[in-house]
């Protein structure tokens, strides 16, 4: 058994043991703090990872809900459109829009100006059919046919004061005494000059050579 020489030896032993105990406690506390911090860090990492996963899976649904609810937030009604529905709406709008009297009158004038009629010209049994503007004369009809080279139609004549235009020859055949060129409209002998008679739709003008008293 070890014996201590004096009281100083006991004090030295107590101080040494106290130092060992302090060092042991300090080391244990340090290790405990390290493990606690490590556990907290791991928990934080786990929580952050979970939040990221939750946000990744939940965000698309939240975005979809926002798109669906957008019309309600903006106070807009859901409208279903189709080409057929759009055509019906346009047709209804057009029916409700009526042109002004001035526009209608202008349309009628343009229609009358551009309107054409059908007329026929007969010479020595040969028939020339053509379209001509409304309110034109027999003279205009003959010029219309003459302007078409493929029809091979010609005529010559001269103006006679208030009597209008007088035809001298047609297709190279001249009128002569007892066989002047006289025209008929719908089988009725004309009583006015070719430049004065205004054509009507489907009129048939026929030229015949005959005496003035026929």
Protein backbone atom coordinates (compact mmCIF):
# COMPACT_ATOMS: atom_id res chain seq x y z
CA UNK A 1 0.00 0.00 0.00
CA UNK A 2 1.33 3.41 -1.11
CA UNK A 3 1.88 5.85 1.60
CA UNK A 4 1.88 9.65 1.18
CA UNK A 5 4.72 11.44 2.75
CA UNK A 6 2.92 14.62 3.57
CA UNK A 7 -0.11 16.80 2.91
CA UNK A 8 1.48 18.35 -0.23
CA UNK A 9 1.37 14.99 -1.94
CA UNK A 10 -2.36 14.77 -1.27
CA UNK A 11 -2.96 18.21 -2.74
CA UNK A 12 -1.00 17.27 -5.85
CA UNK A 13 -3.12 14.15 -6.33
CA UNK A 14 -6.39 16.11 -5.87
CA UNK A 15 -5.36 18.70 -8.42
CA UNK A 16 -4.34 16.02 -10.89
CA UNK A 17 -7.63 14.18 -10.49
CA UNK A 18 -9.57 17.39 -10.78
CA UNK A 19 -7.73 18.15 -14.01
CA UNK A 20 -8.50 14.70 -15.38
CA UNK A 21 -12.15 15.04 -14.42
CA UNK A 22 -12.38 18.52 -16.05
CA UNK A 23 -10.72 17.25 -19.19
CA UNK A 24 -13.07 14.27 -19.29
CA UNK A 25 -16.13 16.45 -18.76
CA UNK A 26 -14.96 19.00 -21.35
CA UNK A 27 -14.30 16.25 -23.90
CA UNK A 28 -17.68 14.64 -23.20
CA UNK A 29 -19.46 18.00 -23.53
CA UNK A 30 -17.63 18.75 -26.78
CA UNK A 31 -18.50 15.35 -28.20
CA UNK A 32 -22.11 15.76 -27.07
CA UNK A 33 -22.35 19.18 -28.74
CA UNK A 34 -20.82 17.77 -31.94
CA UNK A 35 -23.36 14.97 -32.10
CA UNK A 36 -26.23 17.36 -31.33
CA UNK A 37 -25.12 19.78 -34.09
CA UNK A 38 -24.67 16.90 -36.48
CA UNK A 39 -28.16 15.60 -35.73
CA UNK A 40 -29.66 19.09 -36.20
CA UNK A 41 -27.81 19.49 -39.51
CA UNK A 42 -29.06 16.13 -40.72
CA UNK A 43 -32.61 17.00 -39.72
CA UNK A 44 -32.39 20.32 -41.54
CA UNK A 45 -31.12 18.57 -44.69
CA UNK A 46 -33.96 16.02 -44.49
CA UNK A 47 -36.59 18.75 -43.98
CA UNK A 48 -35.27 20.84 -46.89
CA UNK A 49 -35.21 17.75 -49.14
CA UNK A 50 -38.79 16.93 -48.22
CA UNK A 51 -39.91 20.50 -48.93
CA UNK A 52 -38.22 20.38 -52.36
CA UNK A 53 -39.92 17.07 -53.19
CA UNK A 54 -43.29 18.38 -52.04
CA UNK A 55 -42.89 21.55 -54.10
CA UNK A 56 -41.83 19.52 -57.16
CA UNK A 57 -44.92 17.30 -57.06
CA UNK A 58 -47.45 19.89 -55.86
CA UNK A 59 -46.48 22.85 -58.13
CA UNK A 60 -47.99 21.44 -61.39
CA UNK A 61 -51.35 20.93 -59.70
CA UNK A 62 -51.28 24.41 -58.20
CA UNK A 63 -50.44 25.88 -61.62
CA UNK A 64 -53.25 23.89 -63.24
CA UNK A 65 -55.72 25.12 -60.64
CA UNK A 66 -54.65 28.70 -61.32
CA UNK A 67 -55.25 28.30 -65.06
CA UNK A 68 -58.70 26.85 -64.48
CA UNK A 69 -59.63 29.53 -61.97
CA UNK A 70 -58.21 32.39 -64.03
CA UNK A 71 -61.54 33.23 -65.77
CA UNK A 72 -63.25 33.48 -62.36
CA UNK A 73 -60.56 35.78 -60.99
CA UNK A 74 -60.83 38.04 -64.06
CA UNK A 75 -64.65 37.90 -63.96
CA UNK A 76 -64.77 36.48 -67.49
CA UNK A 77 -67.29 33.94 -68.65
CA UNK A 78 -66.21 30.74 -70.35
CA UNK A 79 -67.06 31.09 -74.02
CA UNK A 80 -67.11 28.15 -76.42
CA UNK A 81 -66.62 29.22 -80.03
CA UNK A 82 -66.73 27.29 -83.25
CA UNK A 83 -66.48 28.20 -86.96
CA UNK A 84 -70.22 27.55 -87.41
CA UNK A 85 -71.12 29.78 -84.45
CA UNK A 86 -68.86 32.56 -85.74
CA UNK A 87 -70.51 32.38 -89.18
CA UNK A 88 -73.97 32.61 -87.59
CA UNK A 89 -72.90 35.65 -85.55
CA UNK A 90 -71.49 37.36 -88.67
CA UNK A 91 -74.69 36.61 -90.60
CA UNK A 92 -76.82 38.08 -87.79
CA UNK A 93 -74.67 41.22 -87.70
CA UNK A 94 -74.93 41.62 -91.47
CA UNK A 95 -78.72 41.30 -91.30
CA UNK A 96 -78.89 44.00 -88.63
CA UNK A 97 -76.77 46.40 -90.72
CA UNK A 98 -78.83 48.05 -93.43
CA UNK A 99 -77.27 50.38 -96.03
CA UNK A 100 -78.26 54.02 -96.08
CA UNK A 101 -80.64 55.33 -98.78
CA UNK A 102 -77.71 57.05 -100.51
CA UNK A 103 -75.74 53.79 -100.68
CA UNK A 104 -78.76 51.87 -101.98
CA UNK A 105 -79.37 54.49 -104.66
CA UNK A 106 -75.70 54.38 -105.72
CA UNK A 107 -75.84 50.59 -105.91
CA UNK A 108 -78.93 50.76 -108.09
CA UNK A 109 -77.25 53.28 -110.42
CA UNK A 110 -74.13 51.11 -110.76
CA UNK A 111 -76.29 48.07 -111.38
CA UNK A 112 -78.19 49.85 -114.15
CA UNK A 113 -74.98 51.15 -115.74
CA UNK A 114 -73.31 47.76 -115.81
CA UNK A 115 -76.41 45.77 -116.70
CA UNK A 116 -76.26 44.02 -120.05
CA UNK A 117 -78.98 42.68 -122.33
CA UNK A 118 -79.03 40.08 -125.08
CA UNK A 119 -79.71 41.04 -128.66
CA UNK A 120 -79.53 39.37 -132.07
CA UNK A 121 -78.70 40.75 -135.50
CA UNK A 122 -79.81 38.94 -138.69
CA UNK A 123 -78.50 39.74 -142.18
CA UNK A 124 -79.36 37.56 -145.21
CA UNK A 125 -80.25 34.67 -142.91
CA UNK A 126 -76.99 34.88 -140.91
CA UNK A 127 -77.50 35.38 -137.16
CA UNK A 128 -75.15 37.40 -134.96
CA UNK A 129 -75.84 37.07 -131.23
CA UNK A 130 -74.18 39.29 -128.65
CA UNK A 131 -74.49 41.00 -125.28
CA UNK A 132 -74.66 44.76 -125.11
CA UNK A 133 -75.12 47.36 -122.39
CA UNK A 134 -78.64 48.41 -121.55
CA UNK A 135 -80.12 51.51 -123.26
CA UNK A 136 -78.01 51.13 -126.40
CA UNK A 137 -79.29 51.66 -129.97
CA UNK A 138 -79.40 49.42 -133.05
CA UNK A 139 -76.46 51.43 -134.35
CA UNK A 140 -74.48 50.55 -131.21
CA UNK A 141 -75.46 46.91 -131.67
CA UNK A 142 -74.08 46.90 -135.22
CA UNK A 143 -70.83 48.50 -134.07
CA UNK A 144 -70.59 45.95 -131.27
CA UNK A 145 -70.84 43.07 -133.73
CA UNK A 146 -68.47 44.82 -136.15
CA UNK A 147 -65.81 45.18 -133.46
CA UNK A 148 -65.64 41.37 -133.15
CA UNK A 149 -63.43 40.41 -136.10
CA UNK A 150 -64.37 36.75 -135.80
CA UNK A 151 -67.98 37.58 -136.73
CA UNK A 152 -66.89 39.00 -140.11
CA UNK A 153 -69.53 41.71 -140.13
CA UNK A 154 -69.18 45.16 -141.75
CA UNK A 155 -71.45 48.05 -142.63
CA UNK A 156 -71.24 51.61 -143.95
CA UNK A 157 -73.58 54.59 -143.83
CA UNK A 158 -74.01 58.30 -143.17
CA UNK A 159 -75.85 60.78 -140.97
CA UNK A 160 -79.01 62.47 -142.22
CA UNK A 161 -79.70 65.44 -139.96
CA UNK A 162 -82.64 64.78 -137.64
CA UNK A 163 -83.29 61.38 -139.25
CA UNK A 164 -80.15 59.90 -137.71
CA UNK A 165 -77.82 57.35 -139.25
CA UNK A 166 -78.70 55.82 -142.66
CA UNK A 167 -77.12 52.45 -143.65
CA UNK A 168 -75.80 52.29 -147.23
CA UNK A 169 -74.23 48.84 -147.31
CA UNK A 170 -73.91 45.69 -145.15
CA UNK A 171 -71.17 43.09 -145.64
CA UNK A 172 -70.17 44.81 -148.87
CA UNK A 173 -73.68 44.72 -150.37
CA UNK A 174 -74.98 48.20 -151.18
CA UNK A 175 -78.58 49.26 -151.17
CA UNK A 176 -80.01 50.43 -154.50
CA UNK A 177 -83.24 51.59 -156.02
CA UNK A 178 -85.96 49.12 -155.17
CA UNK A 179 -83.66 47.24 -152.79
CA UNK A 180 -82.71 49.54 -149.94
CA UNK A 181 -81.57 48.21 -146.57
CA UNK A 182 -84.56 48.30 -144.19
CA UNK A 183 -84.44 46.92 -140.64
CA UNK A 184 -87.10 45.15 -138.57
CA UNK A 185 -87.28 44.65 -134.79
CA UNK A 186 -89.02 41.47 -133.67
CA UNK A 187 -90.58 41.11 -137.18
CA UNK A 188 -91.96 44.66 -137.10
CA UNK A 189 -90.71 47.29 -139.53
CA UNK A 190 -88.90 50.10 -137.73
CA UNK A 191 -90.18 53.65 -138.13
CA UNK A 192 -87.12 55.50 -136.77
CA UNK A 193 -83.41 55.51 -137.59
CA UNK A 194 -80.95 52.91 -136.26
CA UNK A 195 -79.28 55.50 -133.99
CA UNK A 196 -82.61 56.41 -132.39
CA UNK A 197 -84.13 53.03 -131.59
CA UNK A 198 -83.22 51.91 -128.02
CA UNK A 199 -82.86 48.15 -127.68
CA UNK A 200 -84.66 46.00 -125.14
CA UNK A 201 -83.59 42.64 -123.81
CA UNK A 202 -83.82 39.78 -126.36
CA UNK A 203 -84.64 42.11 -129.26
CA UNK A 204 -84.07 40.59 -132.71
CA UNK A 205 -82.95 43.08 -135.38
CA UNK A 206 -83.18 41.85 -138.97
CA UNK A 207 -81.99 43.68 -142.09
CA UNK A 208 -83.80 43.16 -145.40
CA UNK A 209 -83.39 44.69 -148.82
CA UNK A 210 -86.66 46.02 -150.24
CA UNK A 211 -88.29 49.02 -151.86
CA UNK A 212 -89.22 52.05 -149.82
CA UNK A 213 -92.95 51.51 -150.54
CA UNK A 214 -93.00 47.87 -149.28
